[in-house]
Amino acid sequence: MKQMSLALAATLLLASCSREAQQSEITTAAETLSAAKKKATTAQRIDFTQTNLFPEGVVYDPFNDWFYVSSLTRGDIGIVKTDGSYTTFIDDPTLVATNGLELDAARKRLLVTNNVGGVGAYDLRTGQRLWYADLAALAPGAPLFINDVALDPQGNAYVTNSASPIIYKIAPDGQASIFFQSDAFALTSGFGFNGIEWGTDGGGYLLVAFSARNQVIKFNAKDPAQYSIVQLYAPLAGPDGLLLSKDGKQLIVVSNAGGTDAARVQSFTTTNKWASATQTDTYATGAVFPTTATSDGKNVYVLYAYLNQRATGRDVFNIQQVPLSDTRPF
């Protein structure tokens, strides 16, 4: 009987130790998972110093693991590395005030909008200009603020004019035409068409931010007269840059809010090809005047342009990683 009691006690002791060991493993695993999640959602911020640069556009270069930024004040295109260093990449006298940027990876070139009236294409390896499309002659007398640019798989560029209700199309060789023009989008003040993204769905489509009305418009690429307003189940606050995921189901909208504290980055997803969309994330940036977004394929980054500080001047600008809960490949 005594031997049985000792055996039973030993069994209970082993069971208790086993439970404690299992609990310890579970706790350790939970702590590891928690640390991994914390590390994964810790947003990286790249600070770069260039006095009064006031960049408006940003795009990631996967060939070199760096970013290109534009400049409303200089017209230069600069390289910003992940360590925050800045070097001038393009110094073209034709570029007076640069806005949107688009990297044409298939053709190893960078497209740059010059808001006074054109778009240039530049060799990614050398920075040399390949062509320049003058858009002013396509609609004589129309006010110009050439803003953002998107690319289709064939290399055609689609370009917004924020001062006139016009979207342009530029062929891969630089030949330009008017893609869409309608007085339905005419404004007497404020910004009209702004950020633009290409999506593939049948013949393709374009999503375009319309800043003054806090809207995103979907245009049929084959017949742009067939357009619709995307029903967003969350308000925008001055939509600027757009970024569309590769599968066309997630859209990042940068709402600059005119440089106020209401500025934010919003993520929307759709299940009906952008007839409507639901907000899945919102990230408050504060009064930094965020403008455009880009991605390294995994993470989304937004440019803090501080355009609200142009009158007083500024030295440091930021490329901020945006922590999102639902991020598809971009």
C-alpha atoms as a PDB file:
ATOM      1  CA  MET A   1       0.000   0.000   0.000  1.00  0.00           C
ATOM      2  CA  LYS A   2       2.825   2.374   0.841  1.00  0.00           C
ATOM      3  CA  GLN A   3       4.561   1.504  -2.433  1.00  0.00           C
ATOM      4  CA  MET A   4       1.326   2.253  -4.343  1.00  0.00           C
ATOM      5  CA  SER A   5       1.035   5.630  -2.570  1.00  0.00           C
ATOM      6  CA  LEU A   6       4.607   6.533  -3.503  1.00  0.00           C
ATOM      7  CA  ALA A   7       3.995   5.521  -7.097  1.00  0.00           C
ATOM      8  CA  LEU A   8       0.798   7.575  -7.222  1.00  0.00           C
ATOM      9  CA  ALA A   9       2.590  10.605  -5.760  1.00  0.00           C
ATOM     10  CA  ALA A  10       5.378  10.297  -8.306  1.00  0.00           C
ATOM     11  CA  THR A  11       2.836  10.096 -11.126  1.00  0.00           C
ATOM     12  CA  LEU A  12       1.030  13.189  -9.879  1.00  0.00           C
ATOM     13  CA  LEU A  13       4.328  15.044  -9.542  1.00  0.00           C
ATOM     14  CA  LEU A  14       5.341  14.163 -13.092  1.00  0.00           C
ATOM     15  CA  ALA A  15       1.947  15.254 -14.394  1.00  0.00           C
ATOM     16  CA  SER A  16       2.237  18.541 -12.545  1.00  0.00           C
ATOM     17  CA  CYS A  17       5.729  19.151 -13.921  1.00  0.00           C
ATOM     18  CA  SER A  18       4.486  18.270 -17.400  1.00  0.00           C
ATOM     19  CA  ARG A  19       1.612  20.739 -17.115  1.00  0.00           C
ATOM     20  CA  GLU A  20       3.975  23.443 -15.872  1.00  0.00           C
ATOM     21  CA  ALA A  21       6.353  22.747 -18.754  1.00  0.00           C
ATOM     22  CA  GLN A  22       3.488  22.878 -21.270  1.00  0.00           C
ATOM     23  CA  GLN A  23       2.211  26.105 -19.737  1.00  0.00           C
ATOM     24  CA  SER A  24       5.721  27.565 -19.905  1.00  0.00           C
ATOM     25  CA  GLU A  25       5.999  26.602 -23.575  1.00  0.00           C
ATOM     26  CA  ILE A  26       2.601  28.160 -24.311  1.00  0.00           C
ATOM     27  CA  THR A  27       3.572  31.355 -22.477  1.00  0.00           C
ATOM     28  CA  THR A  28       6.912  31.525 -24.304  1.00  0.00           C
ATOM     29  CA  ALA A  29       5.210  30.942 -27.658  1.00  0.00           C
ATOM     30  CA  ALA A  30       2.653  33.647 -26.913  1.00  0.00           C
ATOM     31  CA  GLU A  31       5.376  36.095 -25.912  1.00  0.00           C
ATOM     32  CA  THR A  32       7.339  35.272 -29.075  1.00  0.00           C
ATOM     33  CA  LEU A  33       4.247  35.759 -31.233  1.00  0.00           C
ATOM     34  CA  SER A  34       3.446  39.021 -29.490  1.00  0.00           C
ATOM     35  CA  ALA A  35       6.999  40.268 -30.028  1.00  0.00           C
ATOM     36  CA  ALA A  36       6.881  39.236 -33.674  1.00  0.00           C
ATOM     37  CA  LYS A  37       3.604  41.086 -34.179  1.00  0.00           C
ATOM     38  CA  LYS A  38       4.990  44.151 -32.427  1.00  0.00           C
ATOM     39  CA  LYS A  39       8.084  44.072 -34.621  1.00  0.00           C
ATOM     40  CA  ALA A  40       5.997  43.582 -37.759  1.00  0.00           C
ATOM     41  CA  THR A  41       3.763  46.541 -37.005  1.00  0.00           C
ATOM     42  CA  THR A  42       6.519  48.896 -35.890  1.00  0.00           C
ATOM     43  CA  ALA A  43       6.440  51.592 -38.559  1.00  0.00           C
ATOM     44  CA  GLN A  44       9.719  52.632 -40.090  1.00  0.00           C
ATOM     45  CA  ARG A  45      10.238  56.311 -40.860  1.00  0.00           C
ATOM     46  CA  ILE A  46      12.933  57.626 -43.166  1.00  0.00           C
ATOM     47  CA  ASP A  47      13.901  61.238 -42.451  1.00  0.00           C
ATOM     48  CA  PHE A  48      15.811  63.125 -45.131  1.00  0.00           C
ATOM     49  CA  THR A  49      17.136  66.671 -45.065  1.00  0.00           C
ATOM     50  CA  GLN A  50      16.865  69.022 -48.047  1.00  0.00           C
ATOM     51  CA  THR A  51      16.002  72.617 -47.236  1.00  0.00           C
ATOM     52  CA  ASN A  52      12.727  73.710 -48.862  1.00  0.00           C
ATOM     53  CA  LEU A  53      12.605  70.720 -51.213  1.00  0.00           C
ATOM     54  CA  PHE A  54       8.866  70.194 -50.665  1.00  0.00           C
ATOM     55  CA  PRO A  55       8.529  66.854 -52.464  1.00  0.00           C
ATOM     56  CA  GLU A  56       5.054  65.914 -53.671  1.00  0.00           C
ATOM     57  CA  GLY A  57       5.631  62.544 -55.340  1.00  0.00           C
ATOM     58  CA  VAL A  58       7.396  59.391 -54.191  1.00  0.00           C
ATOM     59  CA  VAL A  59       7.997  56.009 -55.813  1.00  0.00           C
ATOM     60  CA  TYR A  60      10.053  52.991 -54.758  1.00  0.00           C
ATOM     61  CA  ASP A  61      12.760  51.574 -57.047  1.00  0.00           C
ATOM     62  CA  PRO A  62      12.989  47.773 -56.576  1.00  0.00           C
ATOM     63  CA  PHE A  63      16.155  47.532 -58.672  1.00  0.00           C
ATOM     64  CA  ASN A  64      18.154  49.683 -56.254  1.00  0.00           C
ATOM     65  CA  ASP A  65      16.139  49.547 -53.000  1.00  0.00           C
ATOM     66  CA  TRP A  66      15.670  53.297 -52.768  1.00  0.00           C
ATOM     67  CA  PHE A  67      12.996  55.939 -53.311  1.00  0.00           C
ATOM     68  CA  TYR A  68      12.668  58.748 -55.838  1.00  0.00           C
ATOM     69  CA  VAL A  69      11.078  62.007 -54.702  1.00  0.00           C
ATOM     70  CA  SER A  70       9.974  65.038 -56.695  1.00  0.00           C
ATOM     71  CA  SER A  71      10.135  68.737 -55.772  1.00  0.00           C
ATOM     72  CA  LEU A  72       7.536  71.470 -56.189  1.00  0.00           C
ATOM     73  CA  THR A  73      10.130  74.159 -55.550  1.00  0.00           C
ATOM     74  CA  ARG A  74      13.182  72.942 -57.490  1.00  0.00           C
ATOM     75  CA  GLY A  75      11.867  70.556 -60.114  1.00  0.00           C
ATOM     76  CA  ASP A  76      14.696  68.122 -59.293  1.00  0.00           C
ATOM     77  CA  ILE A  77      14.183  64.403 -58.847  1.00  0.00           C
ATOM     78  CA  GLY A  78      16.158  63.011 -55.945  1.00  0.00           C
ATOM     79  CA  ILE A  79      17.132  59.613 -54.594  1.00  0.00           C
ATOM     80  CA  VAL A  80      16.365  58.909 -50.935  1.00  0.00           C
ATOM     81  CA  LYS A  81      18.023  55.819 -49.511  1.00  0.00           C
ATOM     82  CA  THR A  82      16.777  53.933 -46.473  1.00  0.00           C
ATOM     83  CA  ASP A  83      19.511  55.571 -44.368  1.00  0.00           C
ATOM     84  CA  GLY A  84      18.015  58.994 -45.127  1.00  0.00           C
ATOM     85  CA  SER A  85      20.719  60.170 -47.524  1.00  0.00           C
ATOM     86  CA  TYR A  86      19.611  62.334 -50.465  1.00  0.00           C
ATOM     87  CA  THR A  87      21.281  62.763 -53.863  1.00  0.00           C
ATOM     88  CA  THR A  88      20.041  64.512 -56.992  1.00  0.00           C
ATOM     89  CA  PHE A  89      19.179  62.062 -59.773  1.00  0.00           C
ATOM     90  CA  ILE A  90      17.559  64.258 -62.457  1.00  0.00           C
ATOM     91  CA  ASP A  91      18.383  67.919 -62.962  1.00  0.00           C
ATOM     92  CA  ASP A  92      16.522  68.857 -66.137  1.00  0.00           C
ATOM     93  CA  PRO A  93      15.935  72.613 -66.716  1.00  0.00           C
ATOM     94  CA  THR A  94      12.614  71.743 -68.369  1.00  0.00           C
ATOM     95  CA  LEU A  95      11.298  70.481 -65.033  1.00  0.00           C
ATOM     96  CA  VAL A  96      10.107  73.516 -63.101  1.00  0.00           C
ATOM     97  CA  ALA A  97       7.847  72.002 -60.430  1.00  0.00           C
ATOM     98  CA  THR A  98       7.601  68.228 -60.315  1.00  0.00           C
ATOM     99  CA  ASN A  99       4.691  66.280 -58.865  1.00  0.00           C
ATOM    100  CA  GLY A 100       3.746  62.675 -59.615  1.00  0.00           C
ATOM    101  CA  LEU A 101       6.234  59.892 -60.313  1.00  0.00           C
ATOM    102  CA  GLU A 102       5.711  56.460 -61.855  1.00  0.00           C
ATOM    103  CA  LEU A 103       8.357  53.780 -62.323  1.00  0.00           C
ATOM    104  CA  ASP A 104       8.057  51.819 -65.571  1.00  0.00           C
ATOM    105  CA  ALA A 105       9.907  48.698 -64.452  1.00  0.00           C
ATOM    106  CA  ALA A 106       9.462  46.828 -67.740  1.00  0.00           C
ATOM    107  CA  ARG A 107      11.135  49.613 -69.720  1.00  0.00           C
ATOM    108  CA  LYS A 108      13.584  50.752 -67.016  1.00  0.00           C
ATOM    109  CA  ARG A 109      12.413  54.342 -66.990  1.00  0.00           C
ATOM    110  CA  LEU A 110      10.914  56.909 -64.655  1.00  0.00           C
ATOM    111  CA  LEU A 111       7.950  59.087 -65.636  1.00  0.00           C
ATOM    112  CA  VAL A 112       7.818  62.558 -64.090  1.00  0.00           C
ATOM    113  CA  THR A 113       5.000  65.113 -64.194  1.00  0.00           C
ATOM    114  CA  ASN A 114       5.942  68.761 -64.565  1.00  0.00           C
ATOM    115  CA  ASN A 115       2.953  70.667 -63.243  1.00  0.00           C
ATOM    116  CA  VAL A 116       3.426  73.633 -65.576  1.00  0.00           C
ATOM    117  CA  GLY A 117       2.461  71.493 -68.540  1.00  0.00           C
ATOM    118  CA  GLY A 118       4.156  68.194 -69.386  1.00  0.00           C
ATOM    119  CA  VAL A 119       5.519  64.756 -68.606  1.00  0.00           C
ATOM    120  CA  GLY A 120       9.070  63.520 -69.066  1.00  0.00           C
ATOM    121  CA  ALA A 121      10.457  59.981 -69.341  1.00  0.00           C
ATOM    122  CA  TYR A 122      13.948  59.327 -67.973  1.00  0.00           C
ATOM    123  CA  ASP A 123      16.344  56.396 -68.173  1.00  0.00           C
ATOM    124  CA  LEU A 124      16.535  54.679 -64.777  1.00  0.00           C
ATOM    125  CA  ARG A 125      20.212  53.856 -65.224  1.00  0.00           C
ATOM    126  CA  THR A 126      21.507  57.256 -66.318  1.00  0.00           C
ATOM    127  CA  GLY A 127      18.782  59.803 -65.533  1.00  0.00           C
ATOM    128  CA  GLN A 128      18.910  60.999 -69.136  1.00  0.00           C
ATOM    129  CA  ARG A 129      15.679  62.250 -70.708  1.00  0.00           C
ATOM    130  CA  LEU A 130      14.139  59.916 -73.289  1.00  0.00           C
ATOM    131  CA  TRP A 131      11.259  62.179 -74.310  1.00  0.00           C
ATOM    132  CA  TYR A 132       9.127  65.035 -73.059  1.00  0.00           C
ATOM    133  CA  ALA A 133       5.406  65.328 -73.818  1.00  0.00           C
ATOM    134  CA  ASP A 134       4.116  68.913 -73.888  1.00  0.00           C
ATOM    135  CA  LEU A 135       0.439  68.702 -72.905  1.00  0.00           C
ATOM    136  CA  ALA A 136      -0.449  72.397 -73.100  1.00  0.00           C
ATOM    137  CA  ALA A 137      -1.067  72.325 -76.862  1.00  0.00           C
ATOM    138  CA  LEU A 138      -3.719  69.612 -76.563  1.00  0.00           C
ATOM    139  CA  ALA A 139      -6.218  71.990 -74.923  1.00  0.00           C
ATOM    140  CA  PRO A 140      -5.117  75.568 -75.677  1.00  0.00           C
ATOM    141  CA  GLY A 141      -6.096  77.989 -72.943  1.00  0.00           C
ATOM    142  CA  ALA A 142      -6.987  75.313 -70.407  1.00  0.00           C
ATOM    143  CA  PRO A 143      -5.461  75.961 -66.960  1.00  0.00           C
ATOM    144  CA  LEU A 144      -2.654  73.560 -66.154  1.00  0.00           C
ATOM    145  CA  PHE A 145      -1.598  71.711 -63.043  1.00  0.00           C
ATOM    146  CA  ILE A 146      -0.248  68.420 -64.367  1.00  0.00           C
ATOM    147  CA  ASN A 147      -0.351  66.242 -61.308  1.00  0.00           C
ATOM    148  CA  ASP A 148      -0.147  62.444 -61.256  1.00  0.00           C
ATOM    149  CA  VAL A 149       0.583  59.604 -63.670  1.00  0.00           C
ATOM    150  CA  ALA A 150      -0.320  55.906 -63.964  1.00  0.00           C
ATOM    151  CA  LEU A 151       0.801  53.200 -66.392  1.00  0.00           C
ATOM    152  CA  ASP A 152      -0.987  50.352 -68.134  1.00  0.00           C
ATOM    153  CA  PRO A 153       0.825  47.092 -68.998  1.00  0.00           C
ATOM    154  CA  GLN A 154       1.509  48.299 -72.560  1.00  0.00           C
ATOM    155  CA  GLY A 155       3.404  51.338 -71.297  1.00  0.00           C
ATOM    156  CA  ASN A 156       0.712  53.937 -71.968  1.00  0.00           C
ATOM    157  CA  ALA A 157       0.666  56.711 -69.371  1.00  0.00           C
ATOM    158  CA  TYR A 158      -2.496  58.372 -68.031  1.00  0.00           C
ATOM    159  CA  VAL A 159      -2.029  61.823 -66.551  1.00  0.00           C
ATOM    160  CA  THR A 160      -4.304  64.069 -64.480  1.00  0.00           C
ATOM    161  CA  ASN A 161      -4.751  67.816 -64.736  1.00  0.00           C
ATOM    162  CA  SER A 162      -5.905  69.188 -61.382  1.00  0.00           C
ATOM    163  CA  ALA A 163      -6.744  72.634 -62.772  1.00  0.00           C
ATOM    164  CA  SER A 164      -8.900  71.455 -65.703  1.00  0.00           C
ATOM    165  CA  PRO A 165     -11.264  68.478 -66.130  1.00  0.00           C
ATOM    166  CA  ILE A 166      -8.825  66.622 -68.383  1.00  0.00           C
ATOM    167  CA  ILE A 167      -7.042  63.265 -68.268  1.00  0.00           C
ATOM    168  CA  TYR A 168      -4.340  62.740 -70.897  1.00  0.00           C
ATOM    169  CA  LYS A 169      -2.959  59.587 -72.477  1.00  0.00           C
ATOM    170  CA  ILE A 170       0.682  59.317 -73.561  1.00  0.00           C
ATOM    171  CA  ALA A 171       1.872  56.449 -75.754  1.00  0.00           C
ATOM    172  CA  PRO A 172       5.143  54.665 -74.900  1.00  0.00           C
ATOM    173  CA  ASP A 173       6.970  56.799 -77.474  1.00  0.00           C
ATOM    174  CA  GLY A 174       5.765  60.068 -75.934  1.00  0.00           C
ATOM    175  CA  GLN A 175       2.886  60.877 -78.310  1.00  0.00           C
ATOM    176  CA  ALA A 176       0.130  62.513 -76.265  1.00  0.00           C
ATOM    177  CA  SER A 177      -3.644  62.830 -76.666  1.00  0.00           C
ATOM    178  CA  ILE A 178      -6.683  63.671 -74.556  1.00  0.00           C
ATOM    179  CA  PHE A 179      -8.118  60.550 -72.948  1.00  0.00           C
ATOM    180  CA  PHE A 180     -11.053  62.222 -71.175  1.00  0.00           C
ATOM    181  CA  GLN A 181     -12.478  65.727 -70.930  1.00  0.00           C
ATOM    182  CA  SER A 182     -15.822  66.793 -69.489  1.00  0.00           C
ATOM    183  CA  ASP A 183     -17.335  69.934 -68.010  1.00  0.00           C
ATOM    184  CA  ALA A 184     -19.074  67.675 -65.495  1.00  0.00           C
ATOM    185  CA  PHE A 185     -15.816  67.843 -63.549  1.00  0.00           C
ATOM    186  CA  ALA A 186     -15.109  71.554 -64.083  1.00  0.00           C
ATOM    187  CA  LEU A 187     -14.304  73.664 -61.022  1.00  0.00           C
ATOM    188  CA  THR A 188     -13.995  77.365 -60.372  1.00  0.00           C
ATOM    189  CA  SER A 189     -11.585  76.752 -57.483  1.00  0.00           C
ATOM    190  CA  GLY A 190      -9.831  73.933 -55.696  1.00  0.00           C
ATOM    191  CA  PHE A 191      -8.248  70.749 -57.029  1.00  0.00           C
ATOM    192  CA  GLY A 192     -10.058  68.397 -59.371  1.00  0.00           C
ATOM    193  CA  PHE A 193      -8.494  65.213 -60.756  1.00  0.00           C
ATOM    194  CA  ASN A 194      -5.511  64.216 -58.641  1.00  0.00           C
ATOM    195  CA  GLY A 195      -4.088  60.751 -57.867  1.00  0.00           C
ATOM    196  CA  ILE A 196      -4.560  58.067 -60.523  1.00  0.00           C
ATOM    197  CA  GLU A 197      -4.072  54.291 -60.634  1.00  0.00           C
ATOM    198  CA  TRP A 198      -4.458  51.650 -63.357  1.00  0.00           C
ATOM    199  CA  GLY A 199      -6.306  48.409 -62.664  1.00  0.00           C
ATOM    200  CA  THR A 200      -6.817  45.338 -64.828  1.00  0.00           C
ATOM    201  CA  ASP A 201     -10.375  44.111 -65.180  1.00  0.00           C
ATOM    202  CA  GLY A 202     -11.324  42.958 -68.650  1.00  0.00           C
ATOM    203  CA  GLY A 203     -10.154  45.863 -70.787  1.00  0.00           C
ATOM    204  CA  GLY A 204      -8.747  47.739 -67.780  1.00  0.00           C
ATOM    205  CA  TYR A 205      -9.892  50.716 -65.746  1.00  0.00           C
ATOM    206  CA  LEU A 206      -8.599  53.802 -63.993  1.00  0.00           C
ATOM    207  CA  LEU A 207      -9.291  54.945 -60.445  1.00  0.00           C
ATOM    208  CA  VAL A 208      -8.916  58.707 -60.064  1.00  0.00           C
ATOM    209  CA  ALA A 209      -9.130  60.864 -56.960  1.00  0.00           C
ATOM    210  CA  PHE A 210     -11.298  63.975 -57.320  1.00  0.00           C
ATOM    211  CA  SER A 211     -10.091  66.130 -54.468  1.00  0.00           C
ATOM    212  CA  ALA A 212     -12.635  68.941 -54.314  1.00  0.00           C
ATOM    213  CA  ARG A 213     -15.583  66.557 -54.020  1.00  0.00           C
ATOM    214  CA  ASN A 214     -13.844  63.924 -51.841  1.00  0.00           C
ATOM    215  CA  GLN A 215     -14.507  61.230 -54.428  1.00  0.00           C
ATOM    216  CA  VAL A 216     -12.813  58.380 -56.237  1.00  0.00           C
ATOM    217  CA  ILE A 217     -13.977  57.936 -59.837  1.00  0.00           C
ATOM    218  CA  LYS A 218     -13.721  54.725 -61.870  1.00  0.00           C
ATOM    219  CA  PHE A 219     -13.186  55.130 -65.613  1.00  0.00           C
ATOM    220  CA  ASN A 220     -13.543  52.393 -68.223  1.00  0.00           C
ATOM    221  CA  ALA A 221     -10.217  52.350 -70.080  1.00  0.00           C
ATOM    222  CA  LYS A 222     -11.802  51.567 -73.456  1.00  0.00           C
ATOM    223  CA  ASP A 223     -14.651  54.040 -73.095  1.00  0.00           C
ATOM    224  CA  PRO A 224     -13.899  56.662 -70.409  1.00  0.00           C
ATOM    225  CA  ALA A 225     -17.328  58.229 -70.934  1.00  0.00           C
ATOM    226  CA  GLN A 226     -18.474  55.202 -68.949  1.00  0.00           C
ATOM    227  CA  TYR A 227     -17.463  56.309 -65.494  1.00  0.00           C
ATOM    228  CA  SER A 228     -18.920  55.903 -62.043  1.00  0.00           C
ATOM    229  CA  ILE A 229     -18.346  57.276 -58.559  1.00  0.00           C
ATOM    230  CA  VAL A 230     -17.026  54.617 -56.204  1.00  0.00           C
ATOM    231  CA  GLN A 231     -19.318  54.308 -53.180  1.00  0.00           C
ATOM    232  CA  LEU A 232     -16.947  54.547 -50.218  1.00  0.00           C
ATOM    233  CA  TYR A 233     -18.360  53.672 -46.823  1.00  0.00           C
ATOM    234  CA  ALA A 234     -16.101  56.177 -45.069  1.00  0.00           C
ATOM    235  CA  PRO A 235     -15.533  59.894 -45.726  1.00  0.00           C
ATOM    236  CA  LEU A 236     -12.392  61.212 -47.405  1.00  0.00           C
ATOM    237  CA  ALA A 237     -10.634  64.471 -46.489  1.00  0.00           C
ATOM    238  CA  GLY A 238      -9.037  65.877 -49.625  1.00  0.00           C
ATOM    239  CA  PRO A 239      -7.956  62.681 -51.443  1.00  0.00           C
ATOM    240  CA  ASP A 240      -4.555  63.108 -53.049  1.00  0.00           C
ATOM    241  CA  GLY A 241      -2.417  60.093 -53.983  1.00  0.00           C
ATOM    242  CA  LEU A 242      -3.779  56.600 -54.672  1.00  0.00           C
ATOM    243  CA  LEU A 243      -2.100  53.180 -54.565  1.00  0.00           C
ATOM    244  CA  LEU A 244      -3.808  50.036 -55.894  1.00  0.00           C
ATOM    245  CA  SER A 245      -2.822  46.476 -54.972  1.00  0.00           C
ATOM    246  CA  LYS A 246      -1.732  44.062 -57.707  1.00  0.00           C
ATOM    247  CA  ASP A 247      -4.949  42.053 -57.415  1.00  0.00           C
ATOM    248  CA  GLY A 248      -6.985  45.261 -57.740  1.00  0.00           C
ATOM    249  CA  LYS A 249      -8.927  44.679 -54.523  1.00  0.00           C
ATOM    250  CA  GLN A 250      -7.232  47.058 -52.087  1.00  0.00           C
ATOM    251  CA  LEU A 251      -6.876  50.807 -52.542  1.00  0.00           C
ATOM    252  CA  ILE A 252      -4.778  53.144 -50.428  1.00  0.00           C
ATOM    253  CA  VAL A 253      -6.107  56.713 -50.373  1.00  0.00           C
ATOM    254  CA  VAL A 254      -3.924  59.511 -49.009  1.00  0.00           C
ATOM    255  CA  SER A 255      -6.189  62.252 -47.653  1.00  0.00           C
ATOM    256  CA  ASN A 256      -4.098  65.373 -47.112  1.00  0.00           C
ATOM    257  CA  ALA A 257      -6.931  67.388 -45.454  1.00  0.00           C
ATOM    258  CA  GLY A 258      -5.264  70.580 -46.639  1.00  0.00           C
ATOM    259  CA  GLY A 259      -2.455  70.087 -44.155  1.00  0.00           C
ATOM    260  CA  THR A 260      -4.682  69.957 -41.077  1.00  0.00           C
ATOM    261  CA  ASP A 261      -4.752  67.401 -38.261  1.00  0.00           C
ATOM    262  CA  ALA A 262      -7.527  65.528 -40.082  1.00  0.00           C
ATOM    263  CA  ALA A 263      -5.010  64.170 -42.622  1.00  0.00           C
ATOM    264  CA  ARG A 264      -4.891  60.394 -42.844  1.00  0.00           C
ATOM    265  CA  VAL A 265      -4.078  57.347 -44.929  1.00  0.00           C
ATOM    266  CA  GLN A 266      -7.082  55.116 -45.602  1.00  0.00           C
ATOM    267  CA  SER A 267      -7.245  51.564 -46.885  1.00  0.00           C
ATOM    268  CA  PHE A 268     -10.323  50.318 -48.750  1.00  0.00           C
ATOM    269  CA  THR A 269     -11.215  46.882 -50.091  1.00  0.00           C
ATOM    270  CA  THR A 270     -13.806  45.926 -52.670  1.00  0.00           C
ATOM    271  CA  THR A 271     -15.726  42.775 -53.551  1.00  0.00           C
ATOM    272  CA  ASN A 272     -17.586  44.210 -56.548  1.00  0.00           C
ATOM    273  CA  LYS A 273     -14.908  45.708 -58.790  1.00  0.00           C
ATOM    274  CA  TRP A 274     -15.054  49.175 -57.203  1.00  0.00           C
ATOM    275  CA  ALA A 275     -18.750  49.746 -57.461  1.00  0.00           C
ATOM    276  CA  SER A 276     -18.290  50.232 -53.717  1.00  0.00           C
ATOM    277  CA  ALA A 277     -15.612  49.713 -51.086  1.00  0.00           C
ATOM    278  CA  THR A 278     -15.286  49.333 -47.323  1.00  0.00           C
ATOM    279  CA  GLN A 279     -12.638  50.995 -45.200  1.00  0.00           C
ATOM    280  CA  THR A 280     -10.432  48.400 -43.500  1.00  0.00           C
ATOM    281  CA  ASP A 281      -7.792  50.699 -41.974  1.00  0.00           C
ATOM    282  CA  THR A 282      -7.197  54.346 -41.247  1.00  0.00           C
ATOM    283  CA  TYR A 283      -3.899  55.844 -40.111  1.00  0.00           C
ATOM    284  CA  ALA A 284      -3.837  59.384 -38.762  1.00  0.00           C
ATOM    285  CA  THR A 285      -0.747  61.281 -39.871  1.00  0.00           C
ATOM    286  CA  GLY A 286      -1.319  64.648 -38.238  1.00  0.00           C
ATOM    287  CA  ALA A 287      -0.728  67.998 -39.944  1.00  0.00           C
ATOM    288  CA  VAL A 288       2.129  66.833 -42.190  1.00  0.00           C
ATOM    289  CA  PHE A 289       0.308  67.236 -45.534  1.00  0.00           C
ATOM    290  CA  PRO A 290       0.715  63.628 -46.746  1.00  0.00           C
ATOM    291  CA  THR A 291       0.536  63.462 -50.535  1.00  0.00           C
ATOM    292  CA  THR A 292       1.397  60.197 -52.263  1.00  0.00           C
ATOM    293  CA  ALA A 293       2.008  56.550 -51.404  1.00  0.00           C
ATOM    294  CA  THR A 294       4.280  53.839 -52.737  1.00  0.00           C
ATOM    295  CA  SER A 295       5.211  50.254 -51.853  1.00  0.00           C
ATOM    296  CA  ASP A 296       8.237  47.992 -51.845  1.00  0.00           C
ATOM    297  CA  GLY A 297       5.896  45.090 -52.593  1.00  0.00           C
ATOM    298  CA  LYS A 298       5.220  44.266 -48.945  1.00  0.00           C
ATOM    299  CA  ASN A 299       4.988  47.551 -47.069  1.00  0.00           C
ATOM    300  CA  VAL A 300       3.160  50.776 -47.878  1.00  0.00           C
ATOM    301  CA  TYR A 301       4.915  54.116 -47.444  1.00  0.00           C
ATOM    302  CA  VAL A 302       3.479  57.624 -47.542  1.00  0.00           C
ATOM    303  CA  LEU A 303       5.304  60.879 -48.185  1.00  0.00           C
ATOM    304  CA  TYR A 304       5.035  63.650 -45.612  1.00  0.00           C
ATOM    305  CA  ALA A 305       5.385  66.686 -47.892  1.00  0.00           C
ATOM    306  CA  TYR A 306       4.612  69.515 -45.421  1.00  0.00           C
ATOM    307  CA  LEU A 307       3.235  71.689 -48.227  1.00  0.00           C
ATOM    308  CA  ASN A 308       1.409  73.642 -45.529  1.00  0.00           C
ATOM    309  CA  GLN A 309       4.807  74.993 -44.425  1.00  0.00           C
ATOM    310  CA  ARG A 310       5.991  76.427 -47.740  1.00  0.00           C
ATOM    311  CA  ALA A 311       5.582  80.010 -46.513  1.00  0.00           C
ATOM    312  CA  THR A 312       7.843  79.467 -43.509  1.00  0.00           C
ATOM    313  CA  GLY A 313      10.231  76.887 -44.966  1.00  0.00           C
ATOM    314  CA  ARG A 314      11.320  73.446 -43.821  1.00  0.00           C
ATOM    315  CA  ASP A 315      14.476  71.319 -43.761  1.00  0.00           C
ATOM    316  CA  VAL A 316      13.398  67.741 -42.967  1.00  0.00           C
ATOM    317  CA  PHE A 317      10.840  65.576 -44.803  1.00  0.00           C
ATOM    318  CA  ASN A 318       9.702  62.019 -44.160  1.00  0.00           C
ATOM    319  CA  ILE A 319       8.817  58.789 -45.893  1.00  0.00           C
ATOM    320  CA  GLN A 320       6.604  56.995 -43.367  1.00  0.00           C
ATOM    321  CA  GLN A 321       5.743  53.303 -43.399  1.00  0.00           C
ATOM    322  CA  VAL A 322       2.024  52.842 -42.783  1.00  0.00           C
ATOM    323  CA  PRO A 323       1.030  49.965 -40.452  1.00  0.00           C
ATOM    324  CA  LEU A 324      -1.936  48.224 -42.064  1.00  0.00           C
ATOM    325  CA  SER A 325      -3.751  45.137 -40.816  1.00  0.00           C
ATOM    326  CA  ASP A 326      -4.704  43.926 -44.293  1.00  0.00           C
ATOM    327  CA  THR A 327      -2.017  44.482 -46.911  1.00  0.00           C
ATOM    328  CA  ARG A 328      -1.964  42.659 -50.218  1.00  0.00           C
ATOM    329  CA  PRO A 329       1.067  42.717 -52.553  1.00  0.00           C
ATOM    330  CA  PHE A 330       1.406  46.079 -54.283  1.00  0.00           C
END
